[in-house]
């Protein structure tokens, strides 16, 4: 949110971020990049996590025609010699995304580039190892970040706090600060864990969509494969806690024979 091209709360910058959201095909990300082991996200809080809204959100956000019309309307209609959009004052406009040098992120890069070029935005990538990427993002040395939020808890606060204005940059990596969002998350934290938290969580998801400091793309799906001699395993909706697992040594010996 501090970036001079994408950040801030001016109409043109909010519209640019919203156009990026509208121009990105999360359905293809789920089906092609993640080979079907993901589903498009429709809100900040994932399914099975407290605060998730089970009501259908309506149509997909992917709408490149609306993205193009929005950019034209708020001042990004000018094009350079290669056909890419410029800033409203005619300067080059290049989106730079921080990613990791891995196969799945390279596939995601290809989709991002294709989708952004379809709405007239030039995009490039800066690949760093995961630890370096985290350091750079915590320091604010990035414009766009394609990352993953691992929630190890069944509580929705894990992801909602990523946009809390009172959080440190290590958590709130977008540096988003909005009083209305902060009031909603503080209300969420005062409510006992349960269905009542859906109302403020819905508000936060809508604010995140309106201002687009961070928008979830997909919810990853994981497969677990276990051997018959593994004791204590159960299909966790968040993560498996390995300290509760054990091995039936005799059964393992018998099975291997």
C-alpha atoms as a PDB file:
ATOM      1  CA  UNK A   1       0.000   0.000   0.000  1.00  0.00           C
ATOM      2  CA  UNK A   2       3.060   2.293   0.115  1.00  0.00           C
ATOM      3  CA  UNK A   3       3.939   1.652  -3.538  1.00  0.00           C
ATOM      4  CA  UNK A   4       3.666   4.812  -5.679  1.00  0.00           C
ATOM      5  CA  UNK A   5       2.083   2.914  -8.590  1.00  0.00           C
ATOM      6  CA  UNK A   6      -0.303   0.532  -6.832  1.00  0.00           C
ATOM      7  CA  UNK A   7      -0.601   1.783  -3.271  1.00  0.00           C
ATOM      8  CA  UNK A   8      -2.702   4.427  -1.577  1.00  0.00           C
ATOM      9  CA  UNK A   9      -6.410   5.079  -1.396  1.00  0.00           C
ATOM     10  CA  UNK A  10      -6.877   7.353  -4.413  1.00  0.00           C
ATOM     11  CA  UNK A  11      -9.619   6.348  -6.836  1.00  0.00           C
ATOM     12  CA  UNK A  12      -7.184   5.583  -9.642  1.00  0.00           C
ATOM     13  CA  UNK A  13      -4.993   3.315  -7.497  1.00  0.00           C
ATOM     14  CA  UNK A  14      -7.920   1.469  -5.912  1.00  0.00           C
ATOM     15  CA  UNK A  15      -9.354   0.975  -9.400  1.00  0.00           C
ATOM     16  CA  UNK A  16      -6.035  -0.341 -10.714  1.00  0.00           C
ATOM     17  CA  UNK A  17      -5.866  -2.914  -7.922  1.00  0.00           C
ATOM     18  CA  UNK A  18      -9.479  -3.908  -8.471  1.00  0.00           C
ATOM     19  CA  UNK A  19      -8.850  -4.301 -12.204  1.00  0.00           C
ATOM     20  CA  UNK A  20      -5.960  -6.654 -11.435  1.00  0.00           C
ATOM     21  CA  UNK A  21      -8.320  -8.742  -9.289  1.00  0.00           C
ATOM     22  CA  UNK A  22     -11.021  -8.763 -11.968  1.00  0.00           C
ATOM     23  CA  UNK A  23      -8.479  -9.655 -14.632  1.00  0.00           C
ATOM     24  CA  UNK A  24      -7.015 -12.734 -12.907  1.00  0.00           C
ATOM     25  CA  UNK A  25      -8.574 -16.134 -13.680  1.00  0.00           C
ATOM     26  CA  UNK A  26      -8.573 -18.035 -10.377  1.00  0.00           C
ATOM     27  CA  UNK A  27     -10.522 -20.900 -11.933  1.00  0.00           C
ATOM     28  CA  UNK A  28      -7.612 -21.589 -14.292  1.00  0.00           C
ATOM     29  CA  UNK A  29      -5.160 -21.183 -11.416  1.00  0.00           C
ATOM     30  CA  UNK A  30      -6.995 -23.920  -9.526  1.00  0.00           C
ATOM     31  CA  UNK A  31      -7.518 -26.284 -12.460  1.00  0.00           C
ATOM     32  CA  UNK A  32      -4.344 -25.802 -14.492  1.00  0.00           C
ATOM     33  CA  UNK A  33      -1.580 -24.594 -12.167  1.00  0.00           C
ATOM     34  CA  UNK A  34      -2.630 -26.661  -9.144  1.00  0.00           C
ATOM     35  CA  UNK A  35      -3.938 -29.557 -11.264  1.00  0.00           C
ATOM     36  CA  UNK A  36      -7.351 -29.463  -9.614  1.00  0.00           C
ATOM     37  CA  UNK A  37      -5.954 -29.608  -6.071  1.00  0.00           C
ATOM     38  CA  UNK A  38      -7.385 -26.191  -5.239  1.00  0.00           C
ATOM     39  CA  UNK A  39     -10.678 -24.331  -5.377  1.00  0.00           C
ATOM     40  CA  UNK A  40     -11.169 -20.625  -6.143  1.00  0.00           C
ATOM     41  CA  UNK A  41     -11.409 -18.534  -2.973  1.00  0.00           C
ATOM     42  CA  UNK A  42     -14.487 -16.328  -2.601  1.00  0.00           C
ATOM     43  CA  UNK A  43     -13.601 -14.632   0.710  1.00  0.00           C
ATOM     44  CA  UNK A  44     -10.717 -14.132   3.119  1.00  0.00           C
ATOM     45  CA  UNK A  45     -11.647 -16.996   5.445  1.00  0.00           C
ATOM     46  CA  UNK A  46     -11.303 -20.529   4.086  1.00  0.00           C
ATOM     47  CA  UNK A  47     -13.979 -23.247   4.403  1.00  0.00           C
ATOM     48  CA  UNK A  48     -14.077 -25.140   7.746  1.00  0.00           C
ATOM     49  CA  UNK A  49     -12.459 -22.137   9.500  1.00  0.00           C
ATOM     50  CA  UNK A  50     -14.376 -19.994  11.996  1.00  0.00           C
ATOM     51  CA  UNK A  51     -15.803 -16.922  10.330  1.00  0.00           C
ATOM     52  CA  UNK A  52     -16.228 -18.565   6.921  1.00  0.00           C
ATOM     53  CA  UNK A  53     -19.463 -17.501   5.248  1.00  0.00           C
ATOM     54  CA  UNK A  54     -21.261 -20.571   3.847  1.00  0.00           C
ATOM     55  CA  UNK A  55     -23.648 -18.488   1.733  1.00  0.00           C
ATOM     56  CA  UNK A  56     -22.852 -18.612  -1.987  1.00  0.00           C
ATOM     57  CA  UNK A  57     -21.030 -15.396  -3.009  1.00  0.00           C
ATOM     58  CA  UNK A  58     -22.519 -15.228  -6.501  1.00  0.00           C
ATOM     59  CA  UNK A  59     -20.621 -15.062  -9.781  1.00  0.00           C
ATOM     60  CA  UNK A  60     -16.875 -15.417 -10.193  1.00  0.00           C
ATOM     61  CA  UNK A  61     -14.767 -12.277  -9.782  1.00  0.00           C
ATOM     62  CA  UNK A  62     -13.005 -12.985 -13.072  1.00  0.00           C
ATOM     63  CA  UNK A  63     -14.325 -10.376 -15.505  1.00  0.00           C
ATOM     64  CA  UNK A  64     -11.662  -9.032 -17.895  1.00  0.00           C
ATOM     65  CA  UNK A  65     -14.175  -6.927 -19.833  1.00  0.00           C
ATOM     66  CA  UNK A  66     -15.125  -5.034 -16.675  1.00  0.00           C
ATOM     67  CA  UNK A  67     -11.432  -4.743 -15.750  1.00  0.00           C
ATOM     68  CA  UNK A  68     -10.661  -3.101 -19.113  1.00  0.00           C
ATOM     69  CA  UNK A  69     -13.638  -0.746 -18.845  1.00  0.00           C
ATOM     70  CA  UNK A  70     -12.628   0.243 -15.313  1.00  0.00           C
ATOM     71  CA  UNK A  71      -9.068   1.046 -16.372  1.00  0.00           C
ATOM     72  CA  UNK A  72     -10.307   3.112 -19.316  1.00  0.00           C
ATOM     73  CA  UNK A  73     -12.691   5.046 -17.083  1.00  0.00           C
ATOM     74  CA  UNK A  74     -10.185   6.063 -14.373  1.00  0.00           C
ATOM     75  CA  UNK A  75      -7.385   7.284 -16.632  1.00  0.00           C
ATOM     76  CA  UNK A  76      -5.414   4.231 -17.805  1.00  0.00           C
ATOM     77  CA  UNK A  77      -6.722   4.329 -21.373  1.00  0.00           C
ATOM     78  CA  UNK A  78      -3.462   5.592 -22.933  1.00  0.00           C
ATOM     79  CA  UNK A  79      -1.229   2.939 -24.523  1.00  0.00           C
ATOM     80  CA  UNK A  80       2.499   2.835 -25.293  1.00  0.00           C
ATOM     81  CA  UNK A  81       4.071   1.726 -28.553  1.00  0.00           C
ATOM     82  CA  UNK A  82       3.703  -1.950 -27.588  1.00  0.00           C
ATOM     83  CA  UNK A  83       0.026  -1.580 -26.764  1.00  0.00           C
ATOM     84  CA  UNK A  84       0.400  -1.628 -22.977  1.00  0.00           C
ATOM     85  CA  UNK A  85      -1.343   0.869 -20.727  1.00  0.00           C
ATOM     86  CA  UNK A  86       0.509   3.820 -19.247  1.00  0.00           C
ATOM     87  CA  UNK A  87      -0.151   5.757 -16.058  1.00  0.00           C
ATOM     88  CA  UNK A  88      -2.706   8.582 -16.306  1.00  0.00           C
ATOM     89  CA  UNK A  89       0.154  11.066 -16.823  1.00  0.00           C
ATOM     90  CA  UNK A  90       1.603   8.989 -19.682  1.00  0.00           C
ATOM     91  CA  UNK A  91       4.511   7.331 -17.861  1.00  0.00           C
ATOM     92  CA  UNK A  92       5.386   3.624 -18.354  1.00  0.00           C
ATOM     93  CA  UNK A  93       3.322   1.275 -16.214  1.00  0.00           C
ATOM     94  CA  UNK A  94       4.989  -2.015 -15.270  1.00  0.00           C
ATOM     95  CA  UNK A  95       3.711  -4.395 -12.600  1.00  0.00           C
ATOM     96  CA  UNK A  96       6.469  -6.347 -10.828  1.00  0.00           C
ATOM     97  CA  UNK A  97       5.505  -9.443  -8.868  1.00  0.00           C
ATOM     98  CA  UNK A  98       7.687 -11.090  -6.231  1.00  0.00           C
ATOM     99  CA  UNK A  99       7.582 -14.893  -6.528  1.00  0.00           C
ATOM    100  CA  UNK A 100       9.630 -18.028  -5.893  1.00  0.00           C
ATOM    101  CA  UNK A 101      11.658 -19.989  -8.487  1.00  0.00           C
ATOM    102  CA  UNK A 102       9.529 -23.141  -8.390  1.00  0.00           C
ATOM    103  CA  UNK A 103       7.524 -25.046 -10.973  1.00  0.00           C
ATOM    104  CA  UNK A 104       4.081 -24.176  -9.609  1.00  0.00           C
ATOM    105  CA  UNK A 105       4.963 -20.485  -9.252  1.00  0.00           C
ATOM    106  CA  UNK A 106       6.404 -20.450 -12.791  1.00  0.00           C
ATOM    107  CA  UNK A 107       3.104 -21.852 -14.035  1.00  0.00           C
ATOM    108  CA  UNK A 108       1.304 -19.175 -12.023  1.00  0.00           C
ATOM    109  CA  UNK A 109       3.584 -16.523 -13.518  1.00  0.00           C
ATOM    110  CA  UNK A 110       2.590 -17.606 -17.020  1.00  0.00           C
ATOM    111  CA  UNK A 111      -1.094 -17.289 -16.105  1.00  0.00           C
ATOM    112  CA  UNK A 112      -0.591 -13.898 -14.433  1.00  0.00           C
ATOM    113  CA  UNK A 113       1.284 -12.568 -17.463  1.00  0.00           C
ATOM    114  CA  UNK A 114      -1.338 -13.857 -19.897  1.00  0.00           C
ATOM    115  CA  UNK A 115      -4.245 -12.455 -17.855  1.00  0.00           C
ATOM    116  CA  UNK A 116      -2.661  -9.052 -17.247  1.00  0.00           C
ATOM    117  CA  UNK A 117      -1.673  -8.619 -20.883  1.00  0.00           C
ATOM    118  CA  UNK A 118      -5.280  -9.381 -21.807  1.00  0.00           C
ATOM    119  CA  UNK A 119      -6.369  -6.228 -19.952  1.00  0.00           C
ATOM    120  CA  UNK A 120      -3.419  -4.196 -21.255  1.00  0.00           C
ATOM    121  CA  UNK A 121      -1.055  -4.340 -18.268  1.00  0.00           C
ATOM    122  CA  UNK A 122       2.623  -5.155 -18.644  1.00  0.00           C
ATOM    123  CA  UNK A 123       3.911  -7.573 -16.001  1.00  0.00           C
ATOM    124  CA  UNK A 124       7.338  -8.837 -14.972  1.00  0.00           C
ATOM    125  CA  UNK A 125       8.580 -11.094 -12.170  1.00  0.00           C
ATOM    126  CA  UNK A 126      11.281 -11.032  -9.543  1.00  0.00           C
ATOM    127  CA  UNK A 127      12.084 -14.531  -8.301  1.00  0.00           C
ATOM    128  CA  UNK A 128      13.726 -15.107  -4.931  1.00  0.00           C
ATOM    129  CA  UNK A 129      14.143 -18.140  -2.634  1.00  0.00           C
ATOM    130  CA  UNK A 130      11.332 -18.367  -0.097  1.00  0.00           C
ATOM    131  CA  UNK A 131      13.279 -17.003   2.893  1.00  0.00           C
ATOM    132  CA  UNK A 132      14.590 -14.061   0.872  1.00  0.00           C
ATOM    133  CA  UNK A 133      11.115 -13.404  -0.468  1.00  0.00           C
ATOM    134  CA  UNK A 134       9.746 -13.260   3.077  1.00  0.00           C
ATOM    135  CA  UNK A 135      12.502 -10.863   4.163  1.00  0.00           C
ATOM    136  CA  UNK A 136      11.874  -8.577   1.223  1.00  0.00           C
ATOM    137  CA  UNK A 137       8.120  -8.573   1.719  1.00  0.00           C
ATOM    138  CA  UNK A 138       8.475  -7.862   5.461  1.00  0.00           C
ATOM    139  CA  UNK A 139      10.760  -4.943   4.590  1.00  0.00           C
ATOM    140  CA  UNK A 140       8.258  -3.648   2.026  1.00  0.00           C
ATOM    141  CA  UNK A 141      10.637  -4.162  -0.903  1.00  0.00           C
ATOM    142  CA  UNK A 142       8.051  -5.353  -3.389  1.00  0.00           C
ATOM    143  CA  UNK A 143       5.120  -4.150  -5.459  1.00  0.00           C
ATOM    144  CA  UNK A 144       3.018  -7.293  -5.907  1.00  0.00           C
ATOM    145  CA  UNK A 145       3.465 -10.557  -4.042  1.00  0.00           C
ATOM    146  CA  UNK A 146       2.184 -13.956  -5.105  1.00  0.00           C
ATOM    147  CA  UNK A 147       2.468 -15.896  -1.870  1.00  0.00           C
ATOM    148  CA  UNK A 148       0.766 -18.438   0.314  1.00  0.00           C
ATOM    149  CA  UNK A 149      -0.759 -17.955   3.726  1.00  0.00           C
ATOM    150  CA  UNK A 150      -0.522 -21.131   5.810  1.00  0.00           C
ATOM    151  CA  UNK A 151      -3.145 -21.107   8.535  1.00  0.00           C
ATOM    152  CA  UNK A 152      -2.242 -23.668  11.180  1.00  0.00           C
ATOM    153  CA  UNK A 153      -5.365 -22.935  13.192  1.00  0.00           C
ATOM    154  CA  UNK A 154      -9.107 -23.494  12.709  1.00  0.00           C
ATOM    155  CA  UNK A 155      -9.623 -19.869  13.766  1.00  0.00           C
ATOM    156  CA  UNK A 156     -10.311 -17.275  11.076  1.00  0.00           C
ATOM    157  CA  UNK A 157      -8.311 -14.638  12.916  1.00  0.00           C
ATOM    158  CA  UNK A 158      -5.139 -16.163  11.422  1.00  0.00           C
ATOM    159  CA  UNK A 159      -5.894 -14.758   7.981  1.00  0.00           C
ATOM    160  CA  UNK A 160      -8.037 -11.771   8.973  1.00  0.00           C
ATOM    161  CA  UNK A 161      -5.186 -10.255  10.986  1.00  0.00           C
ATOM    162  CA  UNK A 162      -3.086 -10.036   7.805  1.00  0.00           C
ATOM    163  CA  UNK A 163      -4.909  -6.769   7.014  1.00  0.00           C
ATOM    164  CA  UNK A 164      -5.199  -5.432  10.573  1.00  0.00           C
ATOM    165  CA  UNK A 165      -3.735  -1.922  10.615  1.00  0.00           C
ATOM    166  CA  UNK A 166      -2.270  -2.373  14.105  1.00  0.00           C
ATOM    167  CA  UNK A 167      -0.260  -5.447  13.129  1.00  0.00           C
ATOM    168  CA  UNK A 168       3.463  -5.273  12.411  1.00  0.00           C
ATOM    169  CA  UNK A 169       4.783  -5.460   8.808  1.00  0.00           C
ATOM    170  CA  UNK A 170       5.843  -9.071   9.456  1.00  0.00           C
ATOM    171  CA  UNK A 171       2.130  -9.926   9.581  1.00  0.00           C
ATOM    172  CA  UNK A 172       0.441  -7.103   7.684  1.00  0.00           C
ATOM    173  CA  UNK A 173       2.790  -7.299   4.693  1.00  0.00           C
ATOM    174  CA  UNK A 174       0.562  -5.118   2.522  1.00  0.00           C
ATOM    175  CA  UNK A 175       0.678  -2.337   5.172  1.00  0.00           C
ATOM    176  CA  UNK A 176      -3.055  -1.861   4.778  1.00  0.00           C
ATOM    177  CA  UNK A 177      -4.609   0.565   7.237  1.00  0.00           C
ATOM    178  CA  UNK A 178      -8.325   1.234   7.228  1.00  0.00           C
ATOM    179  CA  UNK A 179     -10.285   2.251  10.323  1.00  0.00           C
ATOM    180  CA  UNK A 180     -13.418   0.448   9.146  1.00  0.00           C
ATOM    181  CA  UNK A 181     -11.520  -2.823   8.752  1.00  0.00           C
ATOM    182  CA  UNK A 182      -9.863  -2.425  12.145  1.00  0.00           C
ATOM    183  CA  UNK A 183     -13.244  -1.882  13.812  1.00  0.00           C
ATOM    184  CA  UNK A 184     -14.596  -5.030  12.141  1.00  0.00           C
ATOM    185  CA  UNK A 185     -11.694  -7.235  13.244  1.00  0.00           C
ATOM    186  CA  UNK A 186     -11.846  -5.897  16.798  1.00  0.00           C
ATOM    187  CA  UNK A 187     -15.564  -6.689  16.861  1.00  0.00           C
ATOM    188  CA  UNK A 188     -14.720 -10.171  15.521  1.00  0.00           C
ATOM    189  CA  UNK A 189     -12.258 -10.732  18.361  1.00  0.00           C
ATOM    190  CA  UNK A 190     -14.814  -9.681  21.005  1.00  0.00           C
ATOM    191  CA  UNK A 191     -17.434 -12.166  19.772  1.00  0.00           C
ATOM    192  CA  UNK A 192     -17.303 -15.718  21.202  1.00  0.00           C
ATOM    193  CA  UNK A 193     -16.030 -18.250  18.669  1.00  0.00           C
ATOM    194  CA  UNK A 194     -18.956 -19.376  16.544  1.00  0.00           C
ATOM    195  CA  UNK A 195     -21.419 -18.423  13.780  1.00  0.00           C
ATOM    196  CA  UNK A 196     -21.830 -14.845  15.028  1.00  0.00           C
ATOM    197  CA  UNK A 197     -18.300 -14.120  13.796  1.00  0.00           C
ATOM    198  CA  UNK A 198     -19.461 -14.543  10.208  1.00  0.00           C
ATOM    199  CA  UNK A 199     -20.989 -11.047  10.118  1.00  0.00           C
ATOM    200  CA  UNK A 200     -17.784  -9.050  10.823  1.00  0.00           C
ATOM    201  CA  UNK A 201     -15.749 -11.542   8.744  1.00  0.00           C
ATOM    202  CA  UNK A 202     -18.093 -10.872   5.819  1.00  0.00           C
ATOM    203  CA  UNK A 203     -17.527  -7.149   6.270  1.00  0.00           C
ATOM    204  CA  UNK A 204     -13.753  -7.622   6.218  1.00  0.00           C
ATOM    205  CA  UNK A 205     -13.892  -9.755   3.082  1.00  0.00           C
ATOM    206  CA  UNK A 206     -15.976  -7.108   1.325  1.00  0.00           C
ATOM    207  CA  UNK A 207     -13.598  -4.330   2.376  1.00  0.00           C
ATOM    208  CA  UNK A 208     -10.643  -6.409   1.151  1.00  0.00           C
ATOM    209  CA  UNK A 209     -12.404  -6.788  -2.198  1.00  0.00           C
ATOM    210  CA  UNK A 210     -13.332  -3.088  -2.383  1.00  0.00           C
ATOM    211  CA  UNK A 211      -9.848  -1.764  -1.637  1.00  0.00           C
ATOM    212  CA  UNK A 212      -7.890  -4.810  -2.917  1.00  0.00           C
ATOM    213  CA  UNK A 213      -4.774  -4.638  -0.728  1.00  0.00           C
ATOM    214  CA  UNK A 214      -4.787  -8.447  -0.610  1.00  0.00           C
ATOM    215  CA  UNK A 215      -7.159 -10.800  -2.346  1.00  0.00           C
ATOM    216  CA  UNK A 216      -7.162 -14.582  -1.877  1.00  0.00           C
ATOM    217  CA  UNK A 217      -6.979 -16.534  -5.112  1.00  0.00           C
ATOM    218  CA  UNK A 218      -7.420 -20.219  -4.230  1.00  0.00           C
ATOM    219  CA  UNK A 219      -7.714 -22.561  -1.277  1.00  0.00           C
ATOM    220  CA  UNK A 220      -5.215 -25.386  -1.644  1.00  0.00           C
ATOM    221  CA  UNK A 221      -6.349 -28.993  -1.211  1.00  0.00           C
ATOM    222  CA  UNK A 222      -4.032 -31.606   0.279  1.00  0.00           C
ATOM    223  CA  UNK A 223      -4.039 -35.384  -0.053  1.00  0.00           C
ATOM    224  CA  UNK A 224      -2.868 -37.523   2.854  1.00  0.00           C
ATOM    225  CA  UNK A 225      -1.541 -41.032   2.250  1.00  0.00           C
ATOM    226  CA  UNK A 226      -1.058 -43.260   5.262  1.00  0.00           C
ATOM    227  CA  UNK A 227       0.197 -46.775   5.946  1.00  0.00           C
ATOM    228  CA  UNK A 228      -1.892 -49.257   7.961  1.00  0.00           C
ATOM    229  CA  UNK A 229       0.689 -49.264  10.777  1.00  0.00           C
ATOM    230  CA  UNK A 230       0.325 -45.520  11.425  1.00  0.00           C
ATOM    231  CA  UNK A 231      -1.533 -44.877  14.677  1.00  0.00           C
ATOM    232  CA  UNK A 232      -3.369 -41.720  15.683  1.00  0.00           C
ATOM    233  CA  UNK A 233      -3.887 -40.216  12.249  1.00  0.00           C
ATOM    234  CA  UNK A 234      -7.099 -38.401  11.453  1.00  0.00           C
ATOM    235  CA  UNK A 235      -7.916 -36.166   8.456  1.00  0.00           C
ATOM    236  CA  UNK A 236      -7.370 -32.726   9.941  1.00  0.00           C
ATOM    237  CA  UNK A 237      -9.152 -29.745   8.369  1.00  0.00           C
ATOM    238  CA  UNK A 238      -6.144 -27.541   9.059  1.00  0.00           C
ATOM    239  CA  UNK A 239      -2.899 -29.457   9.648  1.00  0.00           C
ATOM    240  CA  UNK A 240      -1.764 -32.739  11.127  1.00  0.00           C
ATOM    241  CA  UNK A 241       0.042 -32.433  14.424  1.00  0.00           C
ATOM    242  CA  UNK A 242       2.719 -35.093  14.173  1.00  0.00           C
ATOM    243  CA  UNK A 243       3.335 -35.377  17.920  1.00  0.00           C
ATOM    244  CA  UNK A 244       0.070 -37.305  18.203  1.00  0.00           C
ATOM    245  CA  UNK A 245       1.162 -39.983  15.727  1.00  0.00           C
ATOM    246  CA  UNK A 246       2.881 -43.280  16.448  1.00  0.00           C
ATOM    247  CA  UNK A 247       3.967 -46.460  14.680  1.00  0.00           C
ATOM    248  CA  UNK A 248       2.616 -49.948  15.318  1.00  0.00           C
ATOM    249  CA  UNK A 249       6.013 -51.632  14.987  1.00  0.00           C
ATOM    250  CA  UNK A 250       4.751 -55.251  14.951  1.00  0.00           C
ATOM    251  CA  UNK A 251       2.107 -54.533  12.347  1.00  0.00           C
ATOM    252  CA  UNK A 252       4.683 -52.739  10.220  1.00  0.00           C
ATOM    253  CA  UNK A 253       6.986 -55.773  10.357  1.00  0.00           C
ATOM    254  CA  UNK A 254       4.149 -58.084   9.360  1.00  0.00           C
ATOM    255  CA  UNK A 255       3.027 -55.857   6.496  1.00  0.00           C
ATOM    256  CA  UNK A 256       6.518 -55.522   5.057  1.00  0.00           C
ATOM    257  CA  UNK A 257       6.990 -59.291   5.086  1.00  0.00           C
END
